[in-house]
Amino acid sequence: MAEKVEDLAASLQATTEVLSTADRMLEHYRDINVEQDEEIAKVELAASAFNEFANLCAVLPIQCGPVFQSRHLLVYDKDIFLRQRLNLTSLH
């Protein structure tokens, strides 16, 4: 009987170690998912702001800068727009 109790205790100890390892792995993956969700949200916000800018340019090209005179000015205006829309100090 004592041998069965010792076997059971050893088995429970091994199970506890496996479950602890699995719990740490799950926590790690949860952290990664949170980080990915945050990055996805940033990309979606940037895409939304860019689409908003593109729609404004299609409807009100005068407010988007001289599109046909200088491509550089269009990019410059887009960057200003996106910085303001995303509340960024610099856009890289």
C-alpha atoms as a PDB file:
ATOM      1  CA  MET A   1       0.000   0.000   0.000  1.00  0.00           C
ATOM      2  CA  ALA A   2       2.824   2.418   0.851  1.00  0.00           C
ATOM      3  CA  GLU A   3       4.386   1.754  -2.545  1.00  0.00           C
ATOM      4  CA  LYS A   4       1.121   2.682  -4.312  1.00  0.00           C
ATOM      5  CA  VAL A   5       0.920   5.897  -2.304  1.00  0.00           C
ATOM      6  CA  GLU A   6       4.504   6.764  -3.251  1.00  0.00           C
ATOM      7  CA  ASP A   7       3.771   6.035  -6.924  1.00  0.00           C
ATOM      8  CA  LEU A   8       0.654   8.175  -6.771  1.00  0.00           C
ATOM      9  CA  ALA A   9       2.577  11.025  -5.092  1.00  0.00           C
ATOM     10  CA  ALA A  10       5.323  10.837  -7.732  1.00  0.00           C
ATOM     11  CA  SER A  11       2.733  10.798 -10.498  1.00  0.00           C
ATOM     12  CA  LEU A  12       0.963  13.819  -9.003  1.00  0.00           C
ATOM     13  CA  GLN A  13       4.280  15.658  -8.683  1.00  0.00           C
ATOM     14  CA  ALA A  14       5.121  14.978 -12.331  1.00  0.00           C
ATOM     15  CA  THR A  15       1.628  16.091 -13.390  1.00  0.00           C
ATOM     16  CA  THR A  16       2.002  19.285 -11.362  1.00  0.00           C
ATOM     17  CA  GLU A  17       5.310  20.067 -13.078  1.00  0.00           C
ATOM     18  CA  VAL A  18       3.825  19.455 -16.532  1.00  0.00           C
ATOM     19  CA  LEU A  19       0.804  21.634 -15.756  1.00  0.00           C
ATOM     20  CA  SER A  20       3.026  24.398 -14.367  1.00  0.00           C
ATOM     21  CA  THR A  21       5.094  24.363 -17.550  1.00  0.00           C
ATOM     22  CA  ALA A  22       1.944  24.443 -19.675  1.00  0.00           C
ATOM     23  CA  ASP A  23       0.605  27.355 -17.612  1.00  0.00           C
ATOM     24  CA  ARG A  24       3.825  29.342 -18.156  1.00  0.00           C
ATOM     25  CA  MET A  25       3.656  28.631 -21.897  1.00  0.00           C
ATOM     26  CA  LEU A  26       0.037  29.778 -22.073  1.00  0.00           C
ATOM     27  CA  GLU A  27       0.890  32.972 -20.192  1.00  0.00           C
ATOM     28  CA  HIS A  28       3.721  33.621 -22.655  1.00  0.00           C
ATOM     29  CA  TYR A  29       1.390  33.122 -25.633  1.00  0.00           C
ATOM     30  CA  ARG A  30      -1.243  35.371 -24.036  1.00  0.00           C
ATOM     31  CA  ASP A  31       1.377  38.120 -23.713  1.00  0.00           C
ATOM     32  CA  ILE A  32       2.366  37.692 -27.355  1.00  0.00           C
ATOM     33  CA  ASN A  33      -1.287  37.862 -28.432  1.00  0.00           C
ATOM     34  CA  VAL A  34      -1.816  41.078 -26.479  1.00  0.00           C
ATOM     35  CA  GLU A  35       1.233  42.638 -28.152  1.00  0.00           C
ATOM     36  CA  GLN A  36       0.035  41.484 -31.579  1.00  0.00           C
ATOM     37  CA  ASP A  37      -3.451  42.873 -30.925  1.00  0.00           C
ATOM     38  CA  GLU A  38      -1.933  46.245 -30.006  1.00  0.00           C
ATOM     39  CA  GLU A  39       0.191  46.304 -33.168  1.00  0.00           C
ATOM     40  CA  ILE A  40      -2.774  45.268 -35.324  1.00  0.00           C
ATOM     41  CA  ALA A  41      -4.831  48.095 -33.802  1.00  0.00           C
ATOM     42  CA  LYS A  42      -2.070  50.587 -34.668  1.00  0.00           C
ATOM     43  CA  VAL A  43      -1.922  49.344 -38.263  1.00  0.00           C
ATOM     44  CA  GLU A  44      -5.711  49.476 -38.583  1.00  0.00           C
ATOM     45  CA  LEU A  45      -5.741  53.045 -37.226  1.00  0.00           C
ATOM     46  CA  ALA A  46      -3.016  54.099 -39.661  1.00  0.00           C
ATOM     47  CA  ALA A  47      -4.843  52.448 -42.564  1.00  0.00           C
ATOM     48  CA  SER A  48      -8.081  54.147 -41.552  1.00  0.00           C
ATOM     49  CA  ALA A  49      -6.380  57.537 -41.345  1.00  0.00           C
ATOM     50  CA  PHE A  50      -4.707  57.029 -44.715  1.00  0.00           C
ATOM     51  CA  ASN A  51      -8.028  55.988 -46.289  1.00  0.00           C
ATOM     52  CA  GLU A  52      -9.660  59.062 -44.776  1.00  0.00           C
ATOM     53  CA  PHE A  53      -6.908  61.207 -46.301  1.00  0.00           C
ATOM     54  CA  ALA A  54      -7.298  59.512 -49.697  1.00  0.00           C
ATOM     55  CA  ASN A  55     -11.059  60.059 -49.594  1.00  0.00           C
ATOM     56  CA  LEU A  56     -10.565  63.731 -48.731  1.00  0.00           C
ATOM     57  CA  CYS A  57      -8.156  64.114 -51.637  1.00  0.00           C
ATOM     58  CA  ALA A  58     -10.654  62.534 -53.994  1.00  0.00           C
ATOM     59  CA  VAL A  59     -13.423  64.883 -52.884  1.00  0.00           C
ATOM     60  CA  LEU A  60     -11.430  68.022 -52.037  1.00  0.00           C
ATOM     61  CA  PRO A  61      -8.133  67.911 -53.960  1.00  0.00           C
ATOM     62  CA  ILE A  62      -7.362  71.570 -53.197  1.00  0.00           C
ATOM     63  CA  GLN A  63      -7.068  70.802 -49.451  1.00  0.00           C
ATOM     64  CA  CYS A  64      -4.621  67.986 -50.130  1.00  0.00           C
ATOM     65  CA  GLY A  65      -2.014  70.203 -51.708  1.00  0.00           C
ATOM     66  CA  PRO A  66      -1.050  70.651 -55.329  1.00  0.00           C
ATOM     67  CA  VAL A  67      -1.318  66.997 -56.308  1.00  0.00           C
ATOM     68  CA  PHE A  68      -0.423  67.539 -59.946  1.00  0.00           C
ATOM     69  CA  GLN A  69       2.345  70.088 -59.400  1.00  0.00           C
ATOM     70  CA  SER A  70       4.532  68.197 -56.975  1.00  0.00           C
ATOM     71  CA  ARG A  71       4.332  64.679 -55.681  1.00  0.00           C
ATOM     72  CA  HIS A  72       6.626  65.666 -52.787  1.00  0.00           C
ATOM     73  CA  LEU A  73       4.074  68.208 -51.548  1.00  0.00           C
ATOM     74  CA  LEU A  74       1.346  65.572 -51.613  1.00  0.00           C
ATOM     75  CA  VAL A  75       3.485  63.242 -49.502  1.00  0.00           C
ATOM     76  CA  TYR A  76       4.321  66.113 -47.170  1.00  0.00           C
ATOM     77  CA  ASP A  77       0.641  66.960 -46.733  1.00  0.00           C
ATOM     78  CA  LYS A  78      -0.226  63.287 -46.224  1.00  0.00           C
ATOM     79  CA  ASP A  79       2.405  63.012 -43.510  1.00  0.00           C
ATOM     80  CA  ILE A  80       1.080  66.085 -41.723  1.00  0.00           C
ATOM     81  CA  PHE A  81      -2.457  64.756 -41.989  1.00  0.00           C
ATOM     82  CA  LEU A  82      -1.512  61.322 -40.661  1.00  0.00           C
ATOM     83  CA  ARG A  83       0.543  62.793 -37.813  1.00  0.00           C
ATOM     84  CA  GLN A  84      -2.404  64.911 -36.725  1.00  0.00           C
ATOM     85  CA  ARG A  85      -4.901  62.078 -37.193  1.00  0.00           C
ATOM     86  CA  LEU A  86      -2.771  59.574 -35.267  1.00  0.00           C
ATOM     87  CA  ASN A  87      -1.471  62.135 -32.749  1.00  0.00           C
ATOM     88  CA  LEU A  88       2.126  61.368 -33.675  1.00  0.00           C
ATOM     89  CA  THR A  89       5.099  63.674 -33.350  1.00  0.00           C
ATOM     90  CA  SER A  90       6.936  62.047 -36.240  1.00  0.00           C
ATOM     91  CA  LEU A  91       5.970  59.684 -39.005  1.00  0.00           C
ATOM     92  CA  HIS A  92       8.593  57.299 -40.361  1.00  0.00           C
END
